[in-house]
Amino acid sequence: MVMALACGLLVAGCGGKRSVRPGTGGPKLLTVPAIERMVQMGTSPSVILAEMERSGTVYNLTTQQVKDLRAVGTPASLISQMQLTYQHALRKNPRLTSTGQYWTQVDNYWYGGLPLGWPRDWVVGAPEIGQAARAR
């Protein structure tokens, strides 16, 4: 009985990405649906970019999610910055690709970053859109 319980706990603890709601206090998670709403309301991309930076959210988007964002009219500059948050985080911590312990699912999107307790150096310092283009 004890062995079965221990095995069950071990299997549960080995699961992939977790699905929890972000905590309160500190930076607030800026979700993809919130960004889509701001775009639909006509919010300037520069204002949305500033909100993304202020939130410290990292976006782990699938190829289909990127297509969906384009389909609803999300400016390429916003999508690029969302992807840059992920690329920057991977450069700072390559383990992010092989472990789900750092990612949180909210509304069918995977997030990381300051609102979820990540170290600041994994998040802050992602290049601005223009800097990324010049670096290529």
N, C-alpha and C. Protein backbone atom coordinates (compact mmCIF):
# COMPACT_ATOMS: atom_id res chain seq x y z
N MET A 1 0.83 -1.19 0.00
CA MET A 1 0.00 0.00 0.00
C MET A 1 0.87 1.26 0.00
N VAL A 2 1.86 1.30 0.89
CA VAL A 2 2.75 2.44 0.99
C VAL A 2 3.54 2.60 -0.30
N MET A 3 3.98 1.48 -0.87
CA MET A 3 4.75 1.51 -2.12
C MET A 3 3.88 2.05 -3.25
N ALA A 4 2.63 1.66 -3.33
CA ALA A 4 1.73 2.15 -4.38
C ALA A 4 1.51 3.65 -4.23
N LEU A 5 1.35 4.12 -3.01
CA LEU A 5 1.18 5.54 -2.76
C LEU A 5 2.44 6.31 -3.16
N ALA A 6 3.59 5.79 -2.80
CA ALA A 6 4.86 6.44 -3.14
C ALA A 6 5.03 6.52 -4.66
N CYS A 7 4.71 5.44 -5.36
CA CYS A 7 4.80 5.43 -6.83
C CYS A 7 3.83 6.45 -7.43
N GLY A 8 2.64 6.52 -6.89
CA GLY A 8 1.66 7.49 -7.38
C GLY A 8 2.12 8.91 -7.21
N LEU A 9 2.71 9.21 -6.07
CA LEU A 9 3.23 10.55 -5.84
C LEU A 9 4.41 10.85 -6.74
N LEU A 10 5.25 9.87 -6.97
CA LEU A 10 6.40 10.05 -7.84
C LEU A 10 5.95 10.35 -9.26
N VAL A 11 4.98 9.61 -9.76
CA VAL A 11 4.46 9.84 -11.11
C VAL A 11 3.81 11.22 -11.20
N ALA A 12 3.04 11.59 -10.21
CA ALA A 12 2.39 12.91 -10.22
C ALA A 12 3.42 14.02 -10.20
N GLY A 13 4.50 13.83 -9.48
CA GLY A 13 5.54 14.85 -9.39
C GLY A 13 6.39 14.96 -10.65
N CYS A 14 6.35 13.98 -11.51
CA CYS A 14 7.15 13.97 -12.73
C CYS A 14 6.40 14.56 -13.91
N GLY A 15 5.22 15.03 -13.69
CA GLY A 15 4.42 15.59 -14.78
C GLY A 15 5.13 16.74 -15.46
N GLY A 16 4.68 17.08 -16.63
CA GLY A 16 5.30 18.15 -17.41
C GLY A 16 4.94 19.51 -16.89
N LYS A 17 4.45 20.32 -17.77
CA LYS A 17 4.14 21.71 -17.43
C LYS A 17 2.97 21.77 -16.47
N ARG A 18 3.02 22.71 -15.58
CA ARG A 18 1.96 22.83 -14.59
C ARG A 18 0.92 23.85 -15.05
N SER A 19 -0.24 23.76 -14.50
CA SER A 19 -1.31 24.68 -14.85
C SER A 19 -1.83 25.30 -13.56
N VAL A 20 -1.30 26.46 -13.22
CA VAL A 20 -1.71 27.16 -12.01
C VAL A 20 -1.93 28.62 -12.34
N ARG A 21 -2.70 29.24 -11.54
CA ARG A 21 -2.94 30.68 -11.69
C ARG A 21 -1.79 31.45 -11.06
N PRO A 22 -1.39 32.55 -11.68
CA PRO A 22 -0.32 33.36 -11.09
C PRO A 22 -0.75 33.93 -9.75
N GLY A 23 0.23 34.17 -8.88
CA GLY A 23 -0.04 34.72 -7.56
C GLY A 23 -0.33 36.21 -7.61
N THR A 24 -0.69 36.73 -6.47
CA THR A 24 -0.95 38.16 -6.36
C THR A 24 0.30 38.86 -5.88
N GLY A 25 0.36 40.15 -6.08
CA GLY A 25 1.53 40.93 -5.67
C GLY A 25 2.59 40.88 -6.75
N GLY A 26 3.38 41.93 -6.84
CA GLY A 26 4.42 41.98 -7.85
C GLY A 26 3.85 42.25 -9.24
N PRO A 27 4.67 42.05 -10.27
CA PRO A 27 4.21 42.30 -11.63
C PRO A 27 3.03 41.40 -11.97
N LYS A 28 2.15 41.90 -12.79
CA LYS A 28 0.96 41.15 -13.20
C LYS A 28 1.19 40.53 -14.57
N LEU A 29 0.74 39.30 -14.73
CA LEU A 29 0.83 38.59 -15.99
C LEU A 29 0.01 39.32 -17.05
N LEU A 30 0.60 39.59 -18.19
CA LEU A 30 -0.12 40.18 -19.32
C LEU A 30 -0.41 39.05 -20.29
N THR A 31 -1.63 38.59 -20.33
CA THR A 31 -2.00 37.41 -21.11
C THR A 31 -2.21 37.75 -22.59
N VAL A 32 -2.16 36.72 -23.40
CA VAL A 32 -2.41 36.88 -24.84
C VAL A 32 -3.84 37.40 -25.07
N PRO A 33 -4.87 36.83 -24.42
CA PRO A 33 -6.21 37.40 -24.63
C PRO A 33 -6.30 38.88 -24.26
N ALA A 34 -5.57 39.31 -23.22
CA ALA A 34 -5.58 40.73 -22.85
C ALA A 34 -4.93 41.57 -23.94
N ILE A 35 -3.85 41.06 -24.53
CA ILE A 35 -3.20 41.77 -25.63
C ILE A 35 -4.14 41.85 -26.83
N GLU A 36 -4.81 40.75 -27.14
CA GLU A 36 -5.77 40.75 -28.25
C GLU A 36 -6.87 41.79 -28.03
N ARG A 37 -7.37 41.88 -26.79
CA ARG A 37 -8.42 42.87 -26.49
C ARG A 37 -7.89 44.29 -26.69
N MET A 38 -6.66 44.55 -26.24
CA MET A 38 -6.09 45.89 -26.42
C MET A 38 -5.95 46.22 -27.91
N VAL A 39 -5.53 45.24 -28.70
CA VAL A 39 -5.41 45.45 -30.16
C VAL A 39 -6.79 45.76 -30.74
N GLN A 40 -7.79 45.00 -30.37
CA GLN A 40 -9.14 45.20 -30.89
C GLN A 40 -9.73 46.54 -30.47
N MET A 41 -9.30 47.04 -29.31
CA MET A 41 -9.79 48.35 -28.83
C MET A 41 -9.02 49.50 -29.46
N GLY A 42 -8.00 49.19 -30.27
CA GLY A 42 -7.25 50.23 -30.94
C GLY A 42 -6.10 50.81 -30.14
N THR A 43 -5.67 50.11 -29.09
CA THR A 43 -4.54 50.58 -28.30
C THR A 43 -3.28 50.58 -29.16
N SER A 44 -2.50 51.62 -29.06
CA SER A 44 -1.28 51.76 -29.82
C SER A 44 -0.32 50.61 -29.52
N PRO A 45 0.34 50.06 -30.56
CA PRO A 45 1.32 49.00 -30.30
C PRO A 45 2.41 49.43 -29.32
N SER A 46 2.82 50.70 -29.35
CA SER A 46 3.86 51.15 -28.42
C SER A 46 3.37 51.08 -26.97
N VAL A 47 2.09 51.36 -26.74
CA VAL A 47 1.53 51.26 -25.39
C VAL A 47 1.49 49.79 -24.95
N ILE A 48 1.10 48.91 -25.87
CA ILE A 48 1.04 47.48 -25.55
C ILE A 48 2.45 46.95 -25.28
N LEU A 49 3.42 47.36 -26.10
CA LEU A 49 4.81 46.94 -25.89
C LEU A 49 5.31 47.37 -24.51
N ALA A 50 4.96 48.59 -24.12
CA ALA A 50 5.36 49.09 -22.80
C ALA A 50 4.73 48.24 -21.69
N GLU A 51 3.48 47.86 -21.87
CA GLU A 51 2.80 47.01 -20.88
C GLU A 51 3.46 45.63 -20.81
N MET A 52 3.84 45.09 -21.96
CA MET A 52 4.51 43.80 -22.00
C MET A 52 5.82 43.87 -21.22
N GLU A 53 6.58 44.91 -21.48
CA GLU A 53 7.87 45.09 -20.80
C GLU A 53 7.67 45.27 -19.30
N ARG A 54 6.71 46.09 -18.93
CA ARG A 54 6.44 46.35 -17.51
C ARG A 54 6.03 45.07 -16.78
N SER A 55 5.28 44.22 -17.46
CA SER A 55 4.79 42.99 -16.82
C SER A 55 5.89 41.96 -16.62
N GLY A 56 6.89 41.97 -17.50
CA GLY A 56 7.94 40.95 -17.41
C GLY A 56 7.45 39.57 -17.79
N THR A 57 6.38 39.49 -18.57
CA THR A 57 5.82 38.22 -19.00
C THR A 57 6.64 37.65 -20.15
N VAL A 58 6.85 36.33 -20.11
CA VAL A 58 7.51 35.61 -21.20
C VAL A 58 6.45 34.73 -21.85
N TYR A 59 6.39 34.79 -23.19
CA TYR A 59 5.36 34.11 -23.96
C TYR A 59 5.95 32.90 -24.68
N ASN A 60 5.43 31.72 -24.39
CA ASN A 60 5.86 30.48 -25.03
C ASN A 60 4.75 30.09 -26.02
N LEU A 61 4.81 30.69 -27.21
CA LEU A 61 3.75 30.53 -28.20
C LEU A 61 4.03 29.39 -29.16
N THR A 62 2.98 28.68 -29.55
CA THR A 62 3.10 27.66 -30.59
C THR A 62 3.00 28.34 -31.94
N THR A 63 3.37 27.62 -32.99
CA THR A 63 3.26 28.14 -34.35
C THR A 63 1.81 28.49 -34.65
N GLN A 64 0.87 27.65 -34.23
CA GLN A 64 -0.55 27.92 -34.48
C GLN A 64 -1.01 29.17 -33.74
N GLN A 65 -0.54 29.38 -32.54
CA GLN A 65 -0.93 30.58 -31.79
C GLN A 65 -0.41 31.84 -32.47
N VAL A 66 0.78 31.77 -33.04
CA VAL A 66 1.31 32.92 -33.78
C VAL A 66 0.42 33.20 -34.99
N LYS A 67 0.03 32.15 -35.71
CA LYS A 67 -0.88 32.31 -36.86
C LYS A 67 -2.20 32.92 -36.42
N ASP A 68 -2.72 32.46 -35.30
CA ASP A 68 -3.99 32.98 -34.78
C ASP A 68 -3.87 34.46 -34.42
N LEU A 69 -2.74 34.84 -33.82
CA LEU A 69 -2.53 36.25 -33.47
C LEU A 69 -2.50 37.11 -34.74
N ARG A 70 -1.84 36.63 -35.77
CA ARG A 70 -1.82 37.36 -37.04
C ARG A 70 -3.22 37.48 -37.62
N ALA A 71 -3.99 36.39 -37.53
CA ALA A 71 -5.34 36.35 -38.11
C ALA A 71 -6.28 37.36 -37.46
N VAL A 72 -6.06 37.66 -36.18
CA VAL A 72 -6.94 38.63 -35.51
C VAL A 72 -6.40 40.05 -35.60
N GLY A 73 -5.31 40.23 -36.37
CA GLY A 73 -4.81 41.58 -36.62
C GLY A 73 -3.76 42.08 -35.64
N THR A 74 -3.15 41.20 -34.88
CA THR A 74 -2.09 41.62 -33.96
C THR A 74 -0.89 42.08 -34.79
N PRO A 75 -0.40 43.29 -34.56
CA PRO A 75 0.75 43.79 -35.33
C PRO A 75 1.97 42.88 -35.20
N ALA A 76 2.71 42.78 -36.29
CA ALA A 76 3.92 41.94 -36.32
C ALA A 76 4.91 42.36 -35.24
N SER A 77 4.98 43.66 -34.93
CA SER A 77 5.92 44.12 -33.91
C SER A 77 5.59 43.52 -32.54
N LEU A 78 4.32 43.35 -32.23
CA LEU A 78 3.93 42.76 -30.95
C LEU A 78 4.25 41.27 -30.92
N ILE A 79 3.94 40.59 -32.01
CA ILE A 79 4.22 39.16 -32.08
C ILE A 79 5.73 38.92 -31.98
N SER A 80 6.50 39.73 -32.68
CA SER A 80 7.96 39.60 -32.63
C SER A 80 8.48 39.80 -31.21
N GLN A 81 7.97 40.78 -30.51
CA GLN A 81 8.42 41.02 -29.14
C GLN A 81 8.03 39.86 -28.23
N MET A 82 6.86 39.30 -28.43
CA MET A 82 6.44 38.15 -27.63
C MET A 82 7.42 36.99 -27.85
N GLN A 83 7.78 36.76 -29.11
CA GLN A 83 8.71 35.69 -29.43
C GLN A 83 10.11 35.99 -28.87
N LEU A 84 10.50 37.25 -28.89
CA LEU A 84 11.81 37.63 -28.34
C LEU A 84 11.89 37.39 -26.83
N THR A 85 10.77 37.54 -26.13
CA THR A 85 10.80 37.28 -24.69
C THR A 85 11.19 35.82 -24.44
N TYR A 86 10.65 34.94 -25.25
CA TYR A 86 10.95 33.51 -25.13
C TYR A 86 12.39 33.22 -25.52
N GLN A 87 12.83 33.76 -26.64
CA GLN A 87 14.20 33.53 -27.12
C GLN A 87 15.22 34.03 -26.11
N HIS A 88 14.96 35.20 -25.54
CA HIS A 88 15.87 35.76 -24.54
C HIS A 88 15.93 34.85 -23.31
N ALA A 89 14.79 34.39 -22.86
CA ALA A 89 14.74 33.51 -21.69
C ALA A 89 15.52 32.22 -21.95
N LEU A 90 15.41 31.68 -23.15
CA LEU A 90 16.15 30.45 -23.48
C LEU A 90 17.65 30.68 -23.50
N ARG A 91 18.07 31.85 -23.97
CA ARG A 91 19.51 32.16 -23.94
C ARG A 91 20.02 32.24 -22.50
N LYS A 92 19.20 32.77 -21.61
CA LYS A 92 19.60 32.91 -20.21
C LYS A 92 19.53 31.57 -19.47
N ASN A 93 18.58 30.71 -19.83
CA ASN A 93 18.41 29.43 -19.17
C ASN A 93 17.94 28.38 -20.18
N PRO A 94 18.87 27.71 -20.86
CA PRO A 94 18.50 26.71 -21.87
C PRO A 94 17.64 25.57 -21.33
N ARG A 95 17.67 25.33 -20.04
CA ARG A 95 16.83 24.26 -19.46
C ARG A 95 15.34 24.53 -19.64
N LEU A 96 14.97 25.75 -19.94
CA LEU A 96 13.56 26.08 -20.11
C LEU A 96 12.91 25.27 -21.23
N THR A 97 13.72 24.78 -22.17
CA THR A 97 13.16 23.97 -23.27
C THR A 97 12.91 22.54 -22.86
N SER A 98 13.59 22.07 -21.81
CA SER A 98 13.51 20.66 -21.46
C SER A 98 12.75 20.36 -20.17
N THR A 99 12.31 21.39 -19.49
CA THR A 99 11.57 21.16 -18.25
C THR A 99 10.34 22.04 -18.22
N GLY A 100 9.28 21.52 -17.69
CA GLY A 100 8.05 22.28 -17.59
C GLY A 100 7.86 22.97 -16.26
N GLN A 101 8.83 22.81 -15.35
CA GLN A 101 8.62 23.32 -14.01
C GLN A 101 8.50 24.83 -13.94
N TYR A 102 8.96 25.54 -14.95
CA TYR A 102 8.94 27.01 -14.91
C TYR A 102 7.74 27.62 -15.61
N TRP A 103 7.03 26.83 -16.38
CA TRP A 103 5.94 27.35 -17.22
C TRP A 103 4.59 27.15 -16.55
N THR A 104 3.70 28.10 -16.79
CA THR A 104 2.35 28.05 -16.24
C THR A 104 1.36 28.27 -17.37
N GLN A 105 0.33 27.44 -17.40
CA GLN A 105 -0.70 27.58 -18.44
C GLN A 105 -1.88 28.38 -17.91
N VAL A 106 -2.25 29.39 -18.68
CA VAL A 106 -3.42 30.21 -18.38
C VAL A 106 -4.15 30.41 -19.70
N ASP A 107 -5.43 30.07 -19.75
CA ASP A 107 -6.25 30.27 -20.94
C ASP A 107 -5.63 29.64 -22.19
N ASN A 108 -5.08 28.43 -22.05
CA ASN A 108 -4.48 27.67 -23.16
C ASN A 108 -3.19 28.26 -23.72
N TYR A 109 -2.57 29.17 -23.02
CA TYR A 109 -1.27 29.72 -23.40
C TYR A 109 -0.29 29.43 -22.28
N TRP A 110 0.99 29.25 -22.64
CA TRP A 110 2.03 28.99 -21.65
C TRP A 110 2.83 30.27 -21.41
N TYR A 111 3.03 30.57 -20.13
CA TYR A 111 3.69 31.80 -19.72
C TYR A 111 4.81 31.51 -18.72
N GLY A 112 5.72 32.45 -18.67
CA GLY A 112 6.75 32.47 -17.65
C GLY A 112 7.05 33.93 -17.35
N GLY A 113 8.07 34.17 -16.56
CA GLY A 113 8.49 35.55 -16.33
C GLY A 113 8.36 36.01 -14.89
N LEU A 114 8.53 37.30 -14.73
CA LEU A 114 8.52 37.91 -13.40
C LEU A 114 7.23 37.65 -12.63
N PRO A 115 6.04 37.71 -13.28
CA PRO A 115 4.83 37.47 -12.51
C PRO A 115 4.76 36.06 -11.92
N LEU A 116 5.58 35.16 -12.45
CA LEU A 116 5.57 33.77 -11.99
C LEU A 116 6.81 33.42 -11.19
N GLY A 117 7.52 34.46 -10.74
CA GLY A 117 8.64 34.25 -9.84
C GLY A 117 9.98 33.95 -10.49
N TRP A 118 10.09 34.17 -11.79
CA TRP A 118 11.38 33.93 -12.46
C TRP A 118 12.40 34.98 -12.02
N PRO A 119 13.68 34.62 -12.06
CA PRO A 119 14.73 35.61 -11.78
C PRO A 119 14.70 36.71 -12.85
N ARG A 120 14.95 37.92 -12.43
CA ARG A 120 14.90 39.08 -13.34
C ARG A 120 15.84 38.92 -14.54
N ASP A 121 17.00 38.31 -14.35
CA ASP A 121 17.94 38.23 -15.47
C ASP A 121 17.47 37.29 -16.58
N TRP A 122 16.49 36.43 -16.31
CA TRP A 122 15.92 35.59 -17.36
C TRP A 122 14.96 36.40 -18.23
N VAL A 123 14.51 37.53 -17.73
CA VAL A 123 13.43 38.27 -18.38
C VAL A 123 13.90 39.63 -18.87
N VAL A 124 14.43 40.42 -18.00
CA VAL A 124 14.81 41.78 -18.33
C VAL A 124 16.04 41.75 -19.23
N GLY A 125 16.08 42.65 -20.19
CA GLY A 125 17.23 42.72 -21.07
C GLY A 125 16.97 42.18 -22.45
N ALA A 126 15.76 41.69 -22.69
CA ALA A 126 15.43 41.25 -24.05
C ALA A 126 15.57 42.45 -24.96
N PRO A 127 16.19 42.27 -26.11
CA PRO A 127 16.43 43.43 -26.99
C PRO A 127 15.14 44.02 -27.50
N GLU A 128 15.17 45.31 -27.74
CA GLU A 128 14.03 45.96 -28.37
C GLU A 128 13.93 45.47 -29.80
N ILE A 129 12.80 45.68 -30.43
CA ILE A 129 12.57 45.22 -31.79
C ILE A 129 13.67 45.73 -32.72
N GLY A 130 14.00 47.00 -32.70
CA GLY A 130 15.01 47.56 -33.58
C GLY A 130 16.39 46.99 -33.33
N GLN A 131 16.73 46.74 -32.06
CA GLN A 131 18.02 46.16 -31.73
C GLN A 131 18.15 44.76 -32.28
N ALA A 132 17.08 43.99 -32.21
CA ALA A 132 17.11 42.61 -32.71
C ALA A 132 17.33 42.60 -34.22
N ALA A 133 16.69 43.53 -34.92
CA ALA A 133 16.82 43.58 -36.37
C ALA A 133 18.25 43.99 -36.76
N ARG A 134 18.85 44.92 -36.01
CA ARG A 134 20.22 45.36 -36.33
C ARG A 134 21.23 44.27 -36.01
N ALA A 135 20.94 43.42 -35.05
CA ALA A 135 21.88 42.39 -34.63
C ALA A 135 21.99 41.26 -35.68
N ARG A 136 21.01 41.13 -36.54
CA ARG A 136 21.00 40.05 -37.53
C ARG A 136 21.94 40.31 -38.65
